[in-house]
Amino acid sequence: MTNYTTIFISFFVTTFFFFIEAIIHYNIGKYGKLAFKLPSYKHSIKIIYTIIIFSLLSCCVTHYIKIAIDQTIISLNSNTQNKFH
């Protein structure tokens, strides 16, 4: 899979699960119990926009951390090979 495909899938999966979590938190705060009653349209839009922003940030940060780790591993591997040859 390409990096963009991975980011795309990760973004939508994260957004979906964050939305479920947000609805549960909304119901706990509003009704004091664990439930899955959807809020009004206006509140739902605010929740969705917030989740999309943070999901996008999460996916981008994860992508750049993966790149940094991959580059570090490549660098360490090349340094190790140079010492033994």
C-alpha atoms as a PDB file:
ATOM      1  CA  MET A   1       0.000   0.000   0.000  1.00  0.00           C
ATOM      2  CA  THR A   2       1.180   3.519  -0.714  1.00  0.00           C
ATOM      3  CA  ASN A   3       1.702   6.002   2.085  1.00  0.00           C
ATOM      4  CA  TYR A   4      -1.272   8.050   0.921  1.00  0.00           C
ATOM      5  CA  THR A   5      -3.552   5.013   0.948  1.00  0.00           C
ATOM      6  CA  THR A   6      -2.447   4.216   4.479  1.00  0.00           C
ATOM      7  CA  ILE A   7      -3.044   7.824   5.562  1.00  0.00           C
ATOM      8  CA  PHE A   8      -6.470   7.850   3.875  1.00  0.00           C
ATOM      9  CA  ILE A   9      -7.582   4.604   5.535  1.00  0.00           C
ATOM     10  CA  SER A  10      -6.167   5.644   8.892  1.00  0.00           C
ATOM     11  CA  PHE A  11      -7.937   9.014   8.691  1.00  0.00           C
ATOM     12  CA  PHE A  12     -11.376   7.507   8.036  1.00  0.00           C
ATOM     13  CA  VAL A  13     -11.037   4.698  10.574  1.00  0.00           C
ATOM     14  CA  THR A  14      -9.846   7.152  13.228  1.00  0.00           C
ATOM     15  CA  THR A  15     -12.647   9.605  12.392  1.00  0.00           C
ATOM     16  CA  PHE A  16     -15.267   6.859  12.608  1.00  0.00           C
ATOM     17  CA  PHE A  17     -14.136   5.573  16.008  1.00  0.00           C
ATOM     18  CA  PHE A  18     -13.575   9.079  17.407  1.00  0.00           C
ATOM     19  CA  PHE A  19     -17.142   9.969  16.385  1.00  0.00           C
ATOM     20  CA  ILE A  20     -18.546   6.942  18.213  1.00  0.00           C
ATOM     21  CA  GLU A  21     -16.480   7.847  21.264  1.00  0.00           C
ATOM     22  CA  ALA A  22     -17.596  11.494  21.083  1.00  0.00           C
ATOM     23  CA  ILE A  23     -21.279  10.509  20.940  1.00  0.00           C
ATOM     24  CA  ILE A  24     -20.852   8.290  23.985  1.00  0.00           C
ATOM     25  CA  HIS A  25     -19.074  11.113  25.854  1.00  0.00           C
ATOM     26  CA  TYR A  26     -21.793  13.538  24.770  1.00  0.00           C
ATOM     27  CA  ASN A  27     -24.482  11.255  26.208  1.00  0.00           C
ATOM     28  CA  ILE A  28     -22.586  10.737  29.466  1.00  0.00           C
ATOM     29  CA  GLY A  29     -22.240  14.507  29.869  1.00  0.00           C
ATOM     30  CA  LYS A  30     -25.811  15.313  28.882  1.00  0.00           C
ATOM     31  CA  TYR A  31     -27.737  12.406  30.424  1.00  0.00           C
ATOM     32  CA  GLY A  32     -25.303  10.990  32.963  1.00  0.00           C
ATOM     33  CA  LYS A  33     -25.408   7.514  31.422  1.00  0.00           C
ATOM     34  CA  LEU A  34     -23.777   5.435  28.744  1.00  0.00           C
ATOM     35  CA  ALA A  35     -25.934   5.797  25.633  1.00  0.00           C
ATOM     36  CA  PHE A  36     -25.829   6.390  21.887  1.00  0.00           C
ATOM     37  CA  LYS A  37     -28.461   9.046  21.267  1.00  0.00           C
ATOM     38  CA  LEU A  38     -27.379  11.420  18.507  1.00  0.00           C
ATOM     39  CA  PRO A  39     -27.249  15.125  19.395  1.00  0.00           C
ATOM     40  CA  SER A  40     -28.970  17.832  17.366  1.00  0.00           C
ATOM     41  CA  TYR A  41     -27.738  18.532  13.848  1.00  0.00           C
ATOM     42  CA  LYS A  42     -25.933  21.700  15.003  1.00  0.00           C
ATOM     43  CA  HIS A  43     -24.072  19.859  17.784  1.00  0.00           C
ATOM     44  CA  SER A  44     -23.300  16.908  15.504  1.00  0.00           C
ATOM     45  CA  ILE A  45     -21.671  19.198  12.930  1.00  0.00           C
ATOM     46  CA  LYS A  46     -19.486  20.802  15.622  1.00  0.00           C
ATOM     47  CA  ILE A  47     -18.467  17.369  16.880  1.00  0.00           C
ATOM     48  CA  ILE A  48     -17.704  16.104  13.366  1.00  0.00           C
ATOM     49  CA  TYR A  49     -15.611  19.174  12.446  1.00  0.00           C
ATOM     50  CA  THR A  50     -13.607  18.879  15.650  1.00  0.00           C
ATOM     51  CA  ILE A  51     -13.017  15.171  15.090  1.00  0.00           C
ATOM     52  CA  ILE A  52     -11.983  15.690  11.458  1.00  0.00           C
ATOM     53  CA  ILE A  53      -9.408  18.311  12.455  1.00  0.00           C
ATOM     54  CA  PHE A  54      -7.864  16.170  15.177  1.00  0.00           C
ATOM     55  CA  SER A  55      -8.039  12.996  13.101  1.00  0.00           C
ATOM     56  CA  LEU A  56      -6.204  14.733  10.276  1.00  0.00           C
ATOM     57  CA  LEU A  57      -3.569  16.046  12.711  1.00  0.00           C
ATOM     58  CA  SER A  58      -3.177  12.582  14.209  1.00  0.00           C
ATOM     59  CA  CYS A  59      -2.707  10.930  10.815  1.00  0.00           C
ATOM     60  CA  CYS A  60      -0.212  13.534   9.622  1.00  0.00           C
ATOM     61  CA  VAL A  61       1.862  13.372  12.801  1.00  0.00           C
ATOM     62  CA  THR A  62       1.823   9.566  12.680  1.00  0.00           C
ATOM     63  CA  HIS A  63       2.956   9.670   9.035  1.00  0.00           C
ATOM     64  CA  TYR A  64       5.893  11.977   9.792  1.00  0.00           C
ATOM     65  CA  ILE A  65       6.913   9.985  12.868  1.00  0.00           C
ATOM     66  CA  LYS A  66       6.939   6.829  10.718  1.00  0.00           C
ATOM     67  CA  ILE A  67       9.142   8.569   8.147  1.00  0.00           C
ATOM     68  CA  ALA A  68      11.549   9.704  10.889  1.00  0.00           C
ATOM     69  CA  ILE A  69      11.713   6.200  12.386  1.00  0.00           C
ATOM     70  CA  ASP A  70      12.269   4.615   8.962  1.00  0.00           C
ATOM     71  CA  GLN A  71      15.091   7.052   8.193  1.00  0.00           C
ATOM     72  CA  THR A  72      16.673   6.397  11.593  1.00  0.00           C
ATOM     73  CA  ILE A  73      16.545   2.640  11.043  1.00  0.00           C
ATOM     74  CA  ILE A  74      18.076   2.994   7.572  1.00  0.00           C
ATOM     75  CA  SER A  75      20.808   5.231   8.981  1.00  0.00           C
ATOM     76  CA  LEU A  76      21.556   2.826  11.833  1.00  0.00           C
ATOM     77  CA  ASN A  77      21.648  -0.130   9.451  1.00  0.00           C
ATOM     78  CA  SER A  78      24.057   1.599   7.082  1.00  0.00           C
ATOM     79  CA  ASN A  79      26.291   2.683   9.988  1.00  0.00           C
ATOM     80  CA  THR A  80      26.346  -0.868  11.344  1.00  0.00           C
ATOM     81  CA  GLN A  81      27.213  -2.315   7.935  1.00  0.00           C
ATOM     82  CA  ASN A  82      30.006   0.208   7.439  1.00  0.00           C
ATOM     83  CA  LYS A  83      31.628  -0.744  10.768  1.00  0.00           C
ATOM     84  CA  PHE A  84      31.760  -4.451   9.923  1.00  0.00           C
ATOM     85  CA  HIS A  85      32.996  -4.163   6.308  1.00  0.00           C
END
